[in-house]
Amino acid sequence: MFLGHYAVGLAAKRATPALSLGLLFGAAQLADLLWPNLLLAGVEKLEIVPGATAVNPLRFVSYPWSHSLVALGAWGVLLATLAVLLRRGRGRDAAIVVGVVVSHWVLDVVSHLPDMPLTITGETRLGLGLWRSLPWTLAVELLLLGAGAAVYLRSTRARDRVGSIGLGALLALLVAIYAGSLFGPLPPSPEAVAWSTLLIEVGMAL
């Protein structure tokens, strides 16, 4: 899942207007901000397997510290605590941040093959395998992005024409990045995947 995660960040803005969209994007993609660093450090493992799914050639061998349900719950609490302390938010804001972080696991379970861990050390792996179908994956991703944008537009109002154009440009950029990942060349190595993911996610969170 890619666009769907950003859709959650867009929709969450309605529930917590005090928090910035960048922070909510970072929360929605916290797993994918952590994962490249852990992959480069050798803590987690990825393999490039052409044809692994209809959507991408990635085989996620091990990533419990960044993508397990238990780990994301803990990371979510940490991020929520920092967000509330630094921005003087409320407990409700903290709960929403935790929910946005954990939503990453839920959406990835829908899209991944059975490789999503529940705990850091356990053997249980879940995945409904949406990635087995490229048309269905595209439909779900675009539908979620559209729904998230609609909720966001209902909760905010652009201050000027630049703000109005900015949202459209943001959505177009997300779709362009996603299309590039789907139809671009085969990644040369797991490390290349890690660096490209990190650059994209950091850039979007900022």
C-alpha atoms as a PDB file:
ATOM      1  CA  MET A   1       0.000   0.000   0.000  1.00  0.00           C
ATOM      2  CA  PHE A   2       1.230   3.503  -0.803  1.00  0.00           C
ATOM      3  CA  LEU A   3      -1.512   5.980  -1.675  1.00  0.00           C
ATOM      4  CA  GLY A   4      -3.790   4.466   0.957  1.00  0.00           C
ATOM      5  CA  HIS A   5      -1.398   5.439   3.741  1.00  0.00           C
ATOM      6  CA  TYR A   6      -1.395   9.062   2.653  1.00  0.00           C
ATOM      7  CA  ALA A   7      -5.184   8.901   2.389  1.00  0.00           C
ATOM      8  CA  VAL A   8      -5.312   8.094   6.113  1.00  0.00           C
ATOM      9  CA  GLY A   9      -3.123  11.112   6.849  1.00  0.00           C
ATOM     10  CA  LEU A  10      -5.394  13.369   4.792  1.00  0.00           C
ATOM     11  CA  ALA A  11      -8.549  12.071   6.454  1.00  0.00           C
ATOM     12  CA  ALA A  12      -7.060  12.318   9.959  1.00  0.00           C
ATOM     13  CA  LYS A  13      -6.601  16.054   9.527  1.00  0.00           C
ATOM     14  CA  ARG A  14     -10.346  16.488  10.031  1.00  0.00           C
ATOM     15  CA  ALA A  15     -10.205  14.782  13.417  1.00  0.00           C
ATOM     16  CA  THR A  16      -7.125  16.644  14.637  1.00  0.00           C
ATOM     17  CA  PRO A  17      -6.813  20.055  12.966  1.00  0.00           C
ATOM     18  CA  ALA A  18      -4.181  21.167  15.488  1.00  0.00           C
ATOM     19  CA  LEU A  19      -1.613  18.775  14.013  1.00  0.00           C
ATOM     20  CA  SER A  20       0.108  19.496  10.714  1.00  0.00           C
ATOM     21  CA  LEU A  21      -0.505  17.437   7.599  1.00  0.00           C
ATOM     22  CA  GLY A  22       3.215  16.699   7.471  1.00  0.00           C
ATOM     23  CA  LEU A  23       3.084  15.139  10.915  1.00  0.00           C
ATOM     24  CA  LEU A  24       0.051  13.058   9.991  1.00  0.00           C
ATOM     25  CA  PHE A  25       1.785  11.900   6.801  1.00  0.00           C
ATOM     26  CA  GLY A  26       4.806  10.982   8.896  1.00  0.00           C
ATOM     27  CA  ALA A  27       2.593   9.034  11.291  1.00  0.00           C
ATOM     28  CA  ALA A  28       0.854   7.174   8.478  1.00  0.00           C
ATOM     29  CA  GLN A  29       4.205   6.258   6.944  1.00  0.00           C
ATOM     30  CA  LEU A  30       6.249   5.873  10.122  1.00  0.00           C
ATOM     31  CA  ALA A  31       6.742   2.172   9.382  1.00  0.00           C
ATOM     32  CA  ASP A  32       8.255   3.036   6.006  1.00  0.00           C
ATOM     33  CA  LEU A  33      10.417   5.748   7.547  1.00  0.00           C
ATOM     34  CA  LEU A  34      11.859   3.260  10.028  1.00  0.00           C
ATOM     35  CA  TRP A  35      12.123   0.300   7.688  1.00  0.00           C
ATOM     36  CA  PRO A  36      14.769   1.623   5.219  1.00  0.00           C
ATOM     37  CA  ASN A  37      17.099   2.514   8.080  1.00  0.00           C
ATOM     38  CA  LEU A  38      16.710  -0.908   9.669  1.00  0.00           C
ATOM     39  CA  LEU A  39      17.194  -2.564   6.277  1.00  0.00           C
ATOM     40  CA  LEU A  40      20.399  -0.617   5.608  1.00  0.00           C
ATOM     41  CA  ALA A  41      21.617  -1.479   9.102  1.00  0.00           C
ATOM     42  CA  GLY A  42      21.057  -5.184   8.431  1.00  0.00           C
ATOM     43  CA  VAL A  43      18.430  -5.511  11.171  1.00  0.00           C
ATOM     44  CA  GLU A  44      15.633  -6.307   8.706  1.00  0.00           C
ATOM     45  CA  LYS A  45      15.783  -8.170   5.414  1.00  0.00           C
ATOM     46  CA  LEU A  46      14.343  -7.746   1.916  1.00  0.00           C
ATOM     47  CA  GLU A  47      14.852  -9.731  -1.282  1.00  0.00           C
ATOM     48  CA  ILE A  48      14.258  -8.697  -4.894  1.00  0.00           C
ATOM     49  CA  VAL A  49      12.274 -11.504  -6.541  1.00  0.00           C
ATOM     50  CA  PRO A  50      10.942 -10.704 -10.033  1.00  0.00           C
ATOM     51  CA  GLY A  51       7.297 -11.714 -10.199  1.00  0.00           C
ATOM     52  CA  ALA A  52       6.924 -11.979  -6.424  1.00  0.00           C
ATOM     53  CA  THR A  53       3.574 -10.228  -6.866  1.00  0.00           C
ATOM     54  CA  ALA A  54       1.784  -8.577  -9.769  1.00  0.00           C
ATOM     55  CA  VAL A  55       2.496  -5.178  -8.203  1.00  0.00           C
ATOM     56  CA  ASN A  56       6.138  -5.325  -7.149  1.00  0.00           C
ATOM     57  CA  PRO A  57       9.150  -7.661  -7.001  1.00  0.00           C
ATOM     58  CA  LEU A  58       9.695  -7.344  -3.271  1.00  0.00           C
ATOM     59  CA  ARG A  59       9.865 -10.246  -0.847  1.00  0.00           C
ATOM     60  CA  PHE A  60       9.763  -9.003   2.729  1.00  0.00           C
ATOM     61  CA  VAL A  61      11.762 -11.639   4.568  1.00  0.00           C
ATOM     62  CA  SER A  62      11.918 -10.020   8.008  1.00  0.00           C
ATOM     63  CA  TYR A  63      10.755  -6.619   9.288  1.00  0.00           C
ATOM     64  CA  PRO A  64       9.221  -7.050  12.754  1.00  0.00           C
ATOM     65  CA  TRP A  65      10.770  -3.927  14.304  1.00  0.00           C
ATOM     66  CA  SER A  66       9.231  -1.601  11.735  1.00  0.00           C
ATOM     67  CA  HIS A  67       6.086  -3.411  10.595  1.00  0.00           C
ATOM     68  CA  SER A  68       4.737  -5.690  13.319  1.00  0.00           C
ATOM     69  CA  LEU A  69       1.498  -4.684  15.000  1.00  0.00           C
ATOM     70  CA  VAL A  70       3.133  -4.646  18.434  1.00  0.00           C
ATOM     71  CA  ALA A  71       6.091  -2.551  17.286  1.00  0.00           C
ATOM     72  CA  LEU A  72       3.909  -0.034  15.478  1.00  0.00           C
ATOM     73  CA  GLY A  73       1.746   0.331  18.564  1.00  0.00           C
ATOM     74  CA  ALA A  74       4.852   1.208  20.573  1.00  0.00           C
ATOM     75  CA  TRP A  75       6.240   3.540  17.900  1.00  0.00           C
ATOM     76  CA  GLY A  76       2.829   5.189  17.700  1.00  0.00           C
ATOM     77  CA  VAL A  77       2.745   5.883  21.429  1.00  0.00           C
ATOM     78  CA  LEU A  78       6.244   7.378  21.243  1.00  0.00           C
ATOM     79  CA  LEU A  79       5.392   9.637  18.309  1.00  0.00           C
ATOM     80  CA  ALA A  80       2.089  10.671  19.895  1.00  0.00           C
ATOM     81  CA  THR A  81       3.831  11.599  23.143  1.00  0.00           C
ATOM     82  CA  LEU A  82       6.355  13.740  21.287  1.00  0.00           C
ATOM     83  CA  ALA A  83       3.638  15.369  19.184  1.00  0.00           C
ATOM     84  CA  VAL A  84       1.560  16.306  22.235  1.00  0.00           C
ATOM     85  CA  LEU A  85       4.544  17.570  24.239  1.00  0.00           C
ATOM     86  CA  LEU A  86       6.083  19.617  21.446  1.00  0.00           C
ATOM     87  CA  ARG A  87       2.832  20.980  20.060  1.00  0.00           C
ATOM     88  CA  ARG A  88       0.884  21.120  23.333  1.00  0.00           C
ATOM     89  CA  GLY A  89      -1.831  18.974  21.880  1.00  0.00           C
ATOM     90  CA  ARG A  90      -4.521  17.075  23.722  1.00  0.00           C
ATOM     91  CA  GLY A  91      -4.957  13.441  24.666  1.00  0.00           C
ATOM     92  CA  ARG A  92      -7.404  13.039  21.806  1.00  0.00           C
ATOM     93  CA  ASP A  93      -4.719  14.179  19.368  1.00  0.00           C
ATOM     94  CA  ALA A  94      -2.352  11.578  20.812  1.00  0.00           C
ATOM     95  CA  ALA A  95      -4.898   8.793  20.376  1.00  0.00           C
ATOM     96  CA  ILE A  96      -5.435   9.785  16.748  1.00  0.00           C
ATOM     97  CA  VAL A  97      -1.685   9.781  16.058  1.00  0.00           C
ATOM     98  CA  VAL A  98      -1.398   6.260  17.490  1.00  0.00           C
ATOM     99  CA  GLY A  99      -4.329   5.157  15.341  1.00  0.00           C
ATOM    100  CA  VAL A 100      -2.787   6.647  12.212  1.00  0.00           C
ATOM    101  CA  VAL A 101       0.528   4.888  12.888  1.00  0.00           C
ATOM    102  CA  VAL A 102      -1.167   1.525  13.463  1.00  0.00           C
ATOM    103  CA  SER A 103      -3.336   1.995  10.353  1.00  0.00           C
ATOM    104  CA  HIS A 104      -0.199   1.294   8.342  1.00  0.00           C
ATOM    105  CA  TRP A 105      -0.228  -2.302   9.579  1.00  0.00           C
ATOM    106  CA  VAL A 106      -3.927  -2.730   8.785  1.00  0.00           C
ATOM    107  CA  LEU A 107      -3.582  -1.472   5.200  1.00  0.00           C
ATOM    108  CA  ASP A 108      -0.420  -3.500   4.625  1.00  0.00           C
ATOM    109  CA  VAL A 109      -2.186  -6.661   5.794  1.00  0.00           C
ATOM    110  CA  VAL A 110      -4.764  -6.018   3.079  1.00  0.00           C
ATOM    111  CA  SER A 111      -2.170  -5.572   0.327  1.00  0.00           C
ATOM    112  CA  HIS A 112       0.768  -7.825   1.270  1.00  0.00           C
ATOM    113  CA  LEU A 113       1.165 -11.544   0.887  1.00  0.00           C
ATOM    114  CA  PRO A 114       1.185 -13.323   4.282  1.00  0.00           C
ATOM    115  CA  ASP A 115       4.354 -11.649   5.563  1.00  0.00           C
ATOM    116  CA  MET A 116       3.045  -9.038   8.028  1.00  0.00           C
ATOM    117  CA  PRO A 117       4.151  -9.920  11.590  1.00  0.00           C
ATOM    118  CA  LEU A 118       1.926  -9.562  14.622  1.00  0.00           C
ATOM    119  CA  THR A 119       4.745  -9.407  17.172  1.00  0.00           C
ATOM    120  CA  ILE A 120       8.481  -8.795  17.124  1.00  0.00           C
ATOM    121  CA  THR A 121       9.522 -12.393  17.873  1.00  0.00           C
ATOM    122  CA  GLY A 122       6.460 -14.469  16.979  1.00  0.00           C
ATOM    123  CA  GLU A 123       6.055 -16.542  13.823  1.00  0.00           C
ATOM    124  CA  THR A 124       2.511 -15.498  12.873  1.00  0.00           C
ATOM    125  CA  ARG A 125       2.323 -13.715   9.498  1.00  0.00           C
ATOM    126  CA  LEU A 126      -0.787 -12.199   7.933  1.00  0.00           C
ATOM    127  CA  GLY A 127      -1.650 -10.854   4.490  1.00  0.00           C
ATOM    128  CA  LEU A 128      -4.725 -10.867   2.265  1.00  0.00           C
ATOM    129  CA  GLY A 129      -2.711 -10.576  -0.947  1.00  0.00           C
ATOM    130  CA  LEU A 130      -4.290  -7.640  -2.776  1.00  0.00           C
ATOM    131  CA  TRP A 131      -0.957  -7.270  -4.555  1.00  0.00           C
ATOM    132  CA  ARG A 132      -1.710 -10.437  -6.493  1.00  0.00           C
ATOM    133  CA  SER A 133      -3.913  -8.273  -8.742  1.00  0.00           C
ATOM    134  CA  LEU A 134      -2.608  -5.051 -10.279  1.00  0.00           C
ATOM    135  CA  PRO A 135      -6.049  -3.773 -11.409  1.00  0.00           C
ATOM    136  CA  TRP A 136      -7.599  -4.314  -7.978  1.00  0.00           C
ATOM    137  CA  THR A 137      -4.602  -2.756  -6.262  1.00  0.00           C
ATOM    138  CA  LEU A 138      -4.853   0.353  -8.437  1.00  0.00           C
ATOM    139  CA  ALA A 139      -8.597   0.595  -7.852  1.00  0.00           C
ATOM    140  CA  VAL A 140      -8.288   0.326  -4.067  1.00  0.00           C
ATOM    141  CA  GLU A 141      -5.344   2.734  -3.836  1.00  0.00           C
ATOM    142  CA  LEU A 142      -6.992   5.418  -5.980  1.00  0.00           C
ATOM    143  CA  LEU A 143     -10.334   5.008  -4.225  1.00  0.00           C
ATOM    144  CA  LEU A 144      -8.704   5.457  -0.824  1.00  0.00           C
ATOM    145  CA  LEU A 145      -6.748   8.499  -1.980  1.00  0.00           C
ATOM    146  CA  GLY A 146      -9.890  10.058  -3.404  1.00  0.00           C
ATOM    147  CA  ALA A 147     -11.824   9.397  -0.201  1.00  0.00           C
ATOM    148  CA  GLY A 148      -9.029  10.789   1.966  1.00  0.00           C
ATOM    149  CA  ALA A 149      -8.795  13.928  -0.164  1.00  0.00           C
ATOM    150  CA  ALA A 150     -12.565  14.405   0.020  1.00  0.00           C
ATOM    151  CA  VAL A 151     -12.538  14.223   3.816  1.00  0.00           C
ATOM    152  CA  TYR A 152      -9.584  16.611   3.941  1.00  0.00           C
ATOM    153  CA  LEU A 153     -11.335  19.153   1.705  1.00  0.00           C
ATOM    154  CA  ARG A 154     -14.417  19.040   3.926  1.00  0.00           C
ATOM    155  CA  SER A 155     -12.370  19.895   6.998  1.00  0.00           C
ATOM    156  CA  THR A 156     -10.042  22.594   5.646  1.00  0.00           C
ATOM    157  CA  ARG A 157     -10.272  25.658   3.486  1.00  0.00           C
ATOM    158  CA  ALA A 158      -7.430  27.016   1.372  1.00  0.00           C
ATOM    159  CA  ARG A 159      -6.404  30.546   2.315  1.00  0.00           C
ATOM    160  CA  ASP A 160      -5.677  31.493  -1.288  1.00  0.00           C
ATOM    161  CA  ARG A 161      -5.404  30.126  -4.818  1.00  0.00           C
ATOM    162  CA  VAL A 162      -1.907  28.821  -4.124  1.00  0.00           C
ATOM    163  CA  GLY A 163      -3.306  26.646  -1.360  1.00  0.00           C
ATOM    164  CA  SER A 164      -5.993  25.270  -3.651  1.00  0.00           C
ATOM    165  CA  ILE A 165      -3.479  24.431  -6.350  1.00  0.00           C
ATOM    166  CA  GLY A 166      -1.108  22.981  -3.759  1.00  0.00           C
ATOM    167  CA  LEU A 167      -3.416  20.133  -2.783  1.00  0.00           C
ATOM    168  CA  GLY A 168      -3.947  19.166  -6.402  1.00  0.00           C
ATOM    169  CA  ALA A 169      -0.200  19.257  -7.001  1.00  0.00           C
ATOM    170  CA  LEU A 170       0.382  17.099  -3.906  1.00  0.00           C
ATOM    171  CA  LEU A 171      -2.111  14.475  -5.057  1.00  0.00           C
ATOM    172  CA  ALA A 172      -0.644  14.491  -8.558  1.00  0.00           C
ATOM    173  CA  LEU A 173       2.861  14.041  -7.139  1.00  0.00           C
ATOM    174  CA  LEU A 174       1.749  11.082  -5.026  1.00  0.00           C
ATOM    175  CA  VAL A 175       0.115   9.409  -8.026  1.00  0.00           C
ATOM    176  CA  ALA A 176       3.210  10.071 -10.168  1.00  0.00           C
ATOM    177  CA  ILE A 177       5.540   8.558  -7.565  1.00  0.00           C
ATOM    178  CA  TYR A 178       3.274   5.560  -7.242  1.00  0.00           C
ATOM    179  CA  ALA A 179       3.096   5.057 -11.002  1.00  0.00           C
ATOM    180  CA  GLY A 180       6.878   5.223 -11.187  1.00  0.00           C
ATOM    181  CA  SER A 181       7.205   2.512  -8.554  1.00  0.00           C
ATOM    182  CA  LEU A 182       4.728   0.277 -10.382  1.00  0.00           C
ATOM    183  CA  PHE A 183       5.961   0.659 -13.930  1.00  0.00           C
ATOM    184  CA  GLY A 184       9.598   1.639 -13.464  1.00  0.00           C
ATOM    185  CA  PRO A 185      12.628  -0.635 -13.906  1.00  0.00           C
ATOM    186  CA  LEU A 186      13.446  -3.504 -11.576  1.00  0.00           C
ATOM    187  CA  PRO A 187      15.261  -2.249  -8.449  1.00  0.00           C
ATOM    188  CA  PRO A 188      18.947  -3.185  -8.630  1.00  0.00           C
ATOM    189  CA  SER A 189      19.232  -4.110  -4.947  1.00  0.00           C
ATOM    190  CA  PRO A 190      17.451  -4.004  -1.580  1.00  0.00           C
ATOM    191  CA  GLU A 191      19.687  -1.094  -0.632  1.00  0.00           C
ATOM    192  CA  ALA A 192      18.448   0.900  -3.634  1.00  0.00           C
ATOM    193  CA  VAL A 193      14.870   0.246  -2.539  1.00  0.00           C
ATOM    194  CA  ALA A 194      15.729   1.415   0.970  1.00  0.00           C
ATOM    195  CA  TRP A 195      17.318   4.674  -0.167  1.00  0.00           C
ATOM    196  CA  SER A 196      14.549   5.539  -2.622  1.00  0.00           C
ATOM    197  CA  THR A 197      11.865   4.767  -0.019  1.00  0.00           C
ATOM    198  CA  LEU A 198      13.620   6.870   2.585  1.00  0.00           C
ATOM    199  CA  LEU A 199      13.984   9.870   0.271  1.00  0.00           C
ATOM    200  CA  ILE A 200      10.327   9.726  -0.751  1.00  0.00           C
ATOM    201  CA  GLU A 201       8.933   9.310   2.748  1.00  0.00           C
ATOM    202  CA  VAL A 202      11.136  11.976   4.339  1.00  0.00           C
ATOM    203  CA  GLY A 203      10.290  14.377   1.544  1.00  0.00           C
ATOM    204  CA  MET A 204       6.549  13.837   1.921  1.00  0.00           C
ATOM    205  CA  ALA A 205       6.661  14.160   5.717  1.00  0.00           C
ATOM    206  CA  LEU A 206       8.445  17.489   5.396  1.00  0.00           C
END
